[in-house]
Amino acid sequence: MTRLLETTSYGEQSGVPLLIVHGLFGSGRNWRALAKHFARRRWVLAVDLRNHGNSFRDPSNTYPDLAADLAAVIVAHGGAADVLGHSMGGKAAMVLALQYPEMVRRLLVADIAPVAYGHTQIDNINAMQSLPLERITRRSEADSLLKEAVPEPAVRAFLLSSLQMGPEGNRWMLNLDALAANMEAIIGFPAVSGRFDGPAHFIHGGASDYVKPEYHARILELFPRADFHEIAGAGHWVHAEKPREFIAVVEGLLGGENL
């Protein structure tokens, strides 16, 4: 039995949908404002990836896994989609396009490249796992306890967006154990065969180092129709830091494609 990802639909359900794929520690909810904006002019789907949000939990969290999950969502919603993915979601979207090219009409990748990175997110996972959830009664307490391990307020706020608090207890809307166990695969990129000959747009922040010029050759090997779009002053969370500019770029790229 195929397990479908938790999927939220926005806008009129007609035509080819725009499928939005979030990054590590995120969920479809993080993209709600942008999804609603894009849905003014087209059908939009936002998913929770496995081990995130309200989607199913699984010990494996590799990119072929994630790509197969996305393919199942696309099949369930007509068989083709434009796909927009950020960070880990961007890598999942790239593997989807390489392994299931007939399902992807147009690919948009936000601030990530098909390469292995040296940084890890284990420290953030350790920090989240160290919180005494059973004793926390207010989100401000969790923020204070995370402060030493995660000094950046914006990063803490992002991580804590996945902390669900309620009368039945507190819990992370993340499978932290599985994400930790799969960290090498998450920061890497699989040796997948094939290439995607459709339109591929790589959007990156001018203040981010995730899509370096030296990565362009590898991108073009896998995505020969790739083009590159820089948003000045934005870091890795380009869609959150410069939402207006990000929306303008995406709408420009998809303007003639039912947006």
Foldseek 3Di string as FASTA:
>chain_A
DDFAFDKDKAADLDDAEEEEEEAPLAFLVVCVVVQNVVRVQHIYMTTGFEQAAPGHHDLADFLVVRLVNVQVVLVVRPQAHAYEYAQLGLLSQLVNCFVPVSRHQAYEYEQAFQFADDDFCVLVLVLVVPDPQQPDDDLVVSLVSSCVSPVDSVVSVSNCVQWDQDPVTIDGSGPSNSCVVCGRNSRGHDPDDGAHAHHYEYEYEPAEPRCPPVRVVVRCVRYVNYDYHYDYPDYSVNCVVPVVVVSVVVCVVCVVPRD
